[in-house]
Amino acid sequence: MEAPVAGLELEFGRGAGEALAHRFLEAEEADFRWDARVEERWIGAYESADDEDFELDRIAICGRLDGKWFCATMLVDGDGQAHGMMGCRQFRSLVRARDAMLHAH
C-alpha cells in the first residue's frame, strides 16, 4: 500500500493519498489480492449458474496486503486474470494463511 499511497499523495496532496488508496482497494480488491499473492493452489473448475462463454477456475491464494496476511478464493481465467473473489480471510501470520490456503476446498 505504500507505493499507491505515495503516488496518490503526489497527485492529490498529503493526507488524501491513504484515503484514496483504500477506496481503490475496495473497488478493485480482487485484482489487488491476486497481485499480492505469494502462493496459489488450484481447487477446481468454477461452475457458474449462468452460461458464460469462458471457463473459470477456483484458485486458493495466500499473500500479504496492507501489512496483513490473507487467504482468498479467486475466480481466474485460463490467461491468469482474476475475475472475482469468492471469499477472503485475514491472518496474523503467513503460516496460518498458508494453512488455510492448503485446506481450502
N, C-alpha and C. Protein backbone atom coordinates (compact mmCIF):
# COMPACT_ATOMS: atom_id res chain seq x y z
N MET A 1 0.81 -1.20 0.00
CA MET A 1 0.00 0.00 0.00
C MET A 1 0.86 1.26 0.00
N GLU A 2 2.12 1.13 0.36
CA GLU A 2 2.96 2.32 0.45
C GLU A 2 3.15 3.00 -0.89
N ALA A 3 3.38 2.21 -1.94
CA ALA A 3 3.61 2.80 -3.27
C ALA A 3 2.36 3.52 -3.79
N PRO A 4 1.17 2.90 -3.74
CA PRO A 4 -0.01 3.63 -4.21
C PRO A 4 -0.30 4.89 -3.39
N VAL A 5 -0.11 4.81 -2.08
CA VAL A 5 -0.35 5.98 -1.23
C VAL A 5 0.60 7.11 -1.62
N ALA A 6 1.87 6.79 -1.79
CA ALA A 6 2.86 7.82 -2.15
C ALA A 6 2.51 8.46 -3.49
N GLY A 7 2.15 7.64 -4.47
CA GLY A 7 1.78 8.17 -5.78
C GLY A 7 0.55 9.05 -5.72
N LEU A 8 -0.45 8.63 -4.96
CA LEU A 8 -1.67 9.42 -4.84
C LEU A 8 -1.43 10.72 -4.07
N GLU A 9 -0.53 10.69 -3.09
CA GLU A 9 -0.20 11.92 -2.37
C GLU A 9 0.50 12.92 -3.28
N LEU A 10 1.33 12.44 -4.18
CA LEU A 10 1.97 13.34 -5.14
C LEU A 10 0.93 13.99 -6.04
N GLU A 11 -0.05 13.21 -6.43
CA GLU A 11 -1.08 13.69 -7.35
C GLU A 11 -2.12 14.58 -6.67
N PHE A 12 -2.58 14.18 -5.47
CA PHE A 12 -3.73 14.85 -4.85
C PHE A 12 -3.41 15.56 -3.53
N GLY A 13 -2.17 15.47 -3.08
CA GLY A 13 -1.80 16.17 -1.85
C GLY A 13 -1.71 15.25 -0.65
N ARG A 14 -0.94 15.71 0.31
CA ARG A 14 -0.69 14.94 1.52
C ARG A 14 -2.01 14.73 2.29
N GLY A 15 -2.21 13.53 2.77
CA GLY A 15 -3.41 13.21 3.53
C GLY A 15 -4.50 12.57 2.68
N ALA A 16 -4.56 12.93 1.41
CA ALA A 16 -5.59 12.37 0.53
C ALA A 16 -5.17 11.00 0.01
N GLY A 17 -3.87 10.74 -0.06
CA GLY A 17 -3.36 9.51 -0.65
C GLY A 17 -3.87 8.25 0.03
N GLU A 18 -3.83 8.20 1.35
CA GLU A 18 -4.23 6.98 2.05
C GLU A 18 -5.73 6.71 1.88
N ALA A 19 -6.54 7.75 2.01
CA ALA A 19 -7.98 7.57 1.85
C ALA A 19 -8.32 7.10 0.43
N LEU A 20 -7.70 7.70 -0.56
CA LEU A 20 -7.96 7.28 -1.94
C LEU A 20 -7.46 5.87 -2.21
N ALA A 21 -6.32 5.51 -1.65
CA ALA A 21 -5.77 4.17 -1.84
C ALA A 21 -6.73 3.12 -1.28
N HIS A 22 -7.32 3.39 -0.13
CA HIS A 22 -8.27 2.44 0.46
C HIS A 22 -9.55 2.34 -0.38
N ARG A 23 -9.96 3.44 -0.98
CA ARG A 23 -11.12 3.39 -1.88
C ARG A 23 -10.81 2.56 -3.12
N PHE A 24 -9.62 2.75 -3.69
CA PHE A 24 -9.22 1.95 -4.84
C PHE A 24 -9.15 0.47 -4.47
N LEU A 25 -8.61 0.18 -3.28
CA LEU A 25 -8.51 -1.20 -2.81
C LEU A 25 -9.89 -1.84 -2.71
N GLU A 26 -10.85 -1.12 -2.16
CA GLU A 26 -12.21 -1.66 -2.05
C GLU A 26 -12.81 -1.92 -3.43
N ALA A 27 -12.61 -1.01 -4.36
CA ALA A 27 -13.21 -1.14 -5.69
C ALA A 27 -12.55 -2.24 -6.52
N GLU A 28 -11.27 -2.45 -6.33
CA GLU A 28 -10.52 -3.42 -7.13
C GLU A 28 -9.88 -4.49 -6.25
N GLU A 29 -10.55 -4.88 -5.18
CA GLU A 29 -9.96 -5.78 -4.20
C GLU A 29 -9.47 -7.09 -4.79
N ALA A 30 -10.24 -7.69 -5.68
CA ALA A 30 -9.83 -8.97 -6.27
C ALA A 30 -8.50 -8.84 -7.01
N ASP A 31 -8.36 -7.78 -7.79
CA ASP A 31 -7.11 -7.58 -8.54
C ASP A 31 -5.93 -7.32 -7.61
N PHE A 32 -6.13 -6.50 -6.58
CA PHE A 32 -5.05 -6.22 -5.64
C PHE A 32 -4.61 -7.49 -4.91
N ARG A 33 -5.57 -8.28 -4.46
CA ARG A 33 -5.22 -9.51 -3.75
C ARG A 33 -4.54 -10.50 -4.68
N TRP A 34 -5.01 -10.62 -5.91
CA TRP A 34 -4.38 -11.53 -6.88
C TRP A 34 -2.93 -11.12 -7.11
N ASP A 35 -2.69 -9.83 -7.26
CA ASP A 35 -1.33 -9.34 -7.48
C ASP A 35 -0.44 -9.48 -6.24
N ALA A 36 -1.05 -9.51 -5.05
CA ALA A 36 -0.28 -9.59 -3.80
C ALA A 36 -0.04 -11.03 -3.35
N ARG A 37 -0.50 -12.01 -4.13
CA ARG A 37 -0.35 -13.40 -3.70
C ARG A 37 1.11 -13.81 -3.71
N VAL A 38 1.45 -14.69 -2.76
CA VAL A 38 2.80 -15.25 -2.70
C VAL A 38 2.78 -16.74 -3.02
N GLU A 39 1.57 -17.31 -2.96
CA GLU A 39 1.43 -18.74 -3.27
C GLU A 39 0.00 -18.98 -3.73
N GLU A 40 -0.17 -20.00 -4.56
CA GLU A 40 -1.51 -20.33 -5.04
C GLU A 40 -1.67 -21.83 -5.19
N ARG A 41 -2.94 -22.26 -5.19
CA ARG A 41 -3.26 -23.68 -5.34
C ARG A 41 -4.58 -23.80 -6.08
N TRP A 42 -4.59 -24.62 -7.13
CA TRP A 42 -5.80 -24.86 -7.91
C TRP A 42 -6.77 -25.70 -7.09
N ILE A 43 -8.01 -25.28 -7.00
CA ILE A 43 -9.03 -26.02 -6.25
C ILE A 43 -9.92 -26.82 -7.19
N GLY A 44 -10.29 -26.21 -8.31
CA GLY A 44 -11.16 -26.89 -9.26
C GLY A 44 -11.82 -25.90 -10.20
N ALA A 45 -12.58 -26.42 -11.13
CA ALA A 45 -13.30 -25.58 -12.08
C ALA A 45 -14.46 -24.90 -11.37
N TYR A 46 -14.76 -23.69 -11.81
CA TYR A 46 -15.90 -22.94 -11.28
C TYR A 46 -17.10 -23.22 -12.16
N GLU A 47 -18.16 -23.69 -11.55
CA GLU A 47 -19.38 -23.98 -12.29
C GLU A 47 -20.38 -22.87 -12.01
N SER A 48 -20.56 -22.02 -13.00
CA SER A 48 -21.44 -20.87 -12.87
C SER A 48 -22.88 -21.25 -13.17
N ALA A 49 -23.80 -20.56 -12.51
CA ALA A 49 -25.22 -20.76 -12.80
C ALA A 49 -25.57 -20.17 -14.16
N ASP A 50 -24.82 -19.16 -14.57
CA ASP A 50 -25.02 -18.54 -15.89
C ASP A 50 -24.22 -19.32 -16.92
N ASP A 51 -24.70 -19.34 -18.14
CA ASP A 51 -23.95 -19.97 -19.23
C ASP A 51 -22.95 -18.96 -19.77
N GLU A 52 -21.79 -18.92 -19.17
CA GLU A 52 -20.75 -17.98 -19.61
C GLU A 52 -19.99 -18.57 -20.79
N ASP A 53 -19.43 -17.69 -21.62
CA ASP A 53 -18.71 -18.13 -22.81
C ASP A 53 -17.29 -18.58 -22.51
N PHE A 54 -16.84 -18.40 -21.31
CA PHE A 54 -15.48 -18.80 -20.96
C PHE A 54 -15.49 -19.54 -19.63
N GLU A 55 -14.45 -20.33 -19.43
CA GLU A 55 -14.35 -21.13 -18.22
C GLU A 55 -13.47 -20.43 -17.19
N LEU A 56 -13.85 -20.59 -15.94
CA LEU A 56 -13.07 -20.03 -14.84
C LEU A 56 -12.66 -21.15 -13.89
N ASP A 57 -11.54 -20.97 -13.24
CA ASP A 57 -11.06 -21.90 -12.23
C ASP A 57 -11.13 -21.23 -10.86
N ARG A 58 -11.26 -22.06 -9.83
CA ARG A 58 -11.18 -21.58 -8.46
C ARG A 58 -9.75 -21.81 -7.98
N ILE A 59 -9.11 -20.75 -7.56
CA ILE A 59 -7.72 -20.80 -7.12
C ILE A 59 -7.65 -20.24 -5.69
N ALA A 60 -7.10 -21.03 -4.77
CA ALA A 60 -6.85 -20.54 -3.41
C ALA A 60 -5.49 -19.87 -3.41
N ILE A 61 -5.42 -18.71 -2.81
CA ILE A 61 -4.16 -17.97 -2.74
C ILE A 61 -3.90 -17.53 -1.31
N CYS A 62 -2.63 -17.27 -1.02
CA CYS A 62 -2.29 -16.59 0.23
C CYS A 62 -1.30 -15.50 -0.13
N GLY A 63 -1.31 -14.45 0.65
CA GLY A 63 -0.43 -13.33 0.37
C GLY A 63 -0.50 -12.31 1.49
N ARG A 64 0.10 -11.16 1.20
CA ARG A 64 0.16 -10.07 2.19
C ARG A 64 -0.23 -8.78 1.50
N LEU A 65 -1.20 -8.09 2.08
CA LEU A 65 -1.66 -6.83 1.53
C LEU A 65 -1.93 -5.87 2.68
N ASP A 66 -1.44 -4.68 2.56
CA ASP A 66 -1.62 -3.64 3.58
C ASP A 66 -1.15 -4.12 4.95
N GLY A 67 -0.07 -4.89 4.97
CA GLY A 67 0.53 -5.35 6.21
C GLY A 67 -0.16 -6.53 6.86
N LYS A 68 -1.16 -7.13 6.18
CA LYS A 68 -1.90 -8.24 6.76
C LYS A 68 -1.86 -9.45 5.83
N TRP A 69 -1.66 -10.63 6.43
CA TRP A 69 -1.67 -11.88 5.67
C TRP A 69 -3.11 -12.28 5.40
N PHE A 70 -3.36 -12.90 4.26
CA PHE A 70 -4.70 -13.31 3.91
C PHE A 70 -4.69 -14.62 3.13
N CYS A 71 -5.84 -15.25 3.09
CA CYS A 71 -6.12 -16.39 2.23
C CYS A 71 -7.43 -16.05 1.51
N ALA A 72 -7.46 -16.22 0.20
CA ALA A 72 -8.66 -15.90 -0.57
C ALA A 72 -8.90 -16.97 -1.63
N THR A 73 -10.16 -17.11 -2.02
CA THR A 73 -10.53 -17.99 -3.12
C THR A 73 -10.90 -17.09 -4.29
N MET A 74 -10.16 -17.25 -5.38
CA MET A 74 -10.31 -16.39 -6.54
C MET A 74 -10.92 -17.14 -7.72
N LEU A 75 -11.59 -16.40 -8.60
CA LEU A 75 -12.05 -16.92 -9.87
C LEU A 75 -11.11 -16.39 -10.93
N VAL A 76 -10.45 -17.30 -11.66
CA VAL A 76 -9.37 -16.92 -12.56
C VAL A 76 -9.60 -17.58 -13.91
N ASP A 77 -9.34 -16.83 -15.00
CA ASP A 77 -9.50 -17.41 -16.33
C ASP A 77 -8.22 -18.14 -16.76
N GLY A 78 -8.25 -18.74 -17.93
CA GLY A 78 -7.11 -19.51 -18.44
C GLY A 78 -5.88 -18.67 -18.73
N ASP A 79 -6.05 -17.36 -18.83
CA ASP A 79 -4.91 -16.47 -19.06
C ASP A 79 -4.31 -15.94 -17.76
N GLY A 80 -4.84 -16.41 -16.63
CA GLY A 80 -4.31 -15.98 -15.35
C GLY A 80 -4.83 -14.64 -14.88
N GLN A 81 -5.97 -14.21 -15.39
CA GLN A 81 -6.57 -12.94 -14.98
C GLN A 81 -7.68 -13.20 -13.98
N ALA A 82 -7.66 -12.49 -12.86
CA ALA A 82 -8.69 -12.63 -11.84
C ALA A 82 -9.99 -12.00 -12.32
N HIS A 83 -11.10 -12.71 -12.10
CA HIS A 83 -12.43 -12.21 -12.47
C HIS A 83 -13.32 -11.98 -11.27
N GLY A 84 -12.86 -12.33 -10.11
CA GLY A 84 -13.65 -12.14 -8.91
C GLY A 84 -13.05 -12.87 -7.73
N MET A 85 -13.65 -12.63 -6.58
CA MET A 85 -13.18 -13.25 -5.36
C MET A 85 -14.39 -13.81 -4.64
N MET A 86 -14.31 -15.07 -4.24
CA MET A 86 -15.42 -15.73 -3.58
C MET A 86 -15.38 -15.56 -2.06
N GLY A 87 -14.23 -15.28 -1.53
CA GLY A 87 -14.09 -15.10 -0.09
C GLY A 87 -12.66 -14.78 0.28
N CYS A 88 -12.49 -14.15 1.43
CA CYS A 88 -11.16 -13.78 1.89
C CYS A 88 -11.16 -13.72 3.41
N ARG A 89 -10.10 -14.26 4.00
CA ARG A 89 -9.92 -14.20 5.46
C ARG A 89 -8.52 -13.65 5.74
N GLN A 90 -8.40 -12.90 6.83
CA GLN A 90 -7.11 -12.34 7.21
C GLN A 90 -6.53 -13.11 8.38
N PHE A 91 -5.19 -13.15 8.44
CA PHE A 91 -4.47 -13.90 9.46
C PHE A 91 -3.31 -13.08 10.00
N ARG A 92 -2.82 -13.50 11.15
CA ARG A 92 -1.70 -12.80 11.78
C ARG A 92 -0.35 -13.25 11.26
N SER A 93 -0.33 -14.39 10.56
CA SER A 93 0.96 -14.90 10.10
C SER A 93 0.82 -15.60 8.75
N LEU A 94 1.94 -15.71 8.06
CA LEU A 94 1.99 -16.45 6.80
C LEU A 94 1.65 -17.91 7.04
N VAL A 95 2.12 -18.47 8.14
CA VAL A 95 1.87 -19.89 8.43
C VAL A 95 0.38 -20.18 8.47
N ARG A 96 -0.39 -19.34 9.14
CA ARG A 96 -1.84 -19.56 9.25
C ARG A 96 -2.55 -19.31 7.92
N ALA A 97 -2.12 -18.29 7.19
CA ALA A 97 -2.72 -18.01 5.89
C ALA A 97 -2.44 -19.16 4.92
N ARG A 98 -1.21 -19.65 4.93
CA ARG A 98 -0.84 -20.76 4.05
C ARG A 98 -1.61 -22.03 4.43
N ASP A 99 -1.76 -22.28 5.71
CA ASP A 99 -2.51 -23.44 6.16
C ASP A 99 -3.96 -23.36 5.67
N ALA A 100 -4.57 -22.19 5.76
CA ALA A 100 -5.93 -22.01 5.28
C ALA A 100 -6.01 -22.25 3.76
N MET A 101 -5.00 -21.78 3.03
CA MET A 101 -4.97 -21.99 1.58
C MET A 101 -4.87 -23.47 1.25
N LEU A 102 -4.03 -24.18 1.98
CA LEU A 102 -3.84 -25.61 1.71
C LEU A 102 -5.08 -26.43 2.03
N HIS A 103 -5.94 -25.94 2.92
CA HIS A 103 -7.14 -26.67 3.30
C HIS A 103 -8.42 -26.12 2.64
N ALA A 104 -8.27 -25.15 1.76
CA ALA A 104 -9.44 -24.59 1.06
C ALA A 104 -10.01 -25.62 0.11
N HIS A 105 -11.31 -25.59 -0.04
CA HIS A 105 -11.95 -26.50 -0.98
C HIS A 105 -13.14 -25.84 -1.66
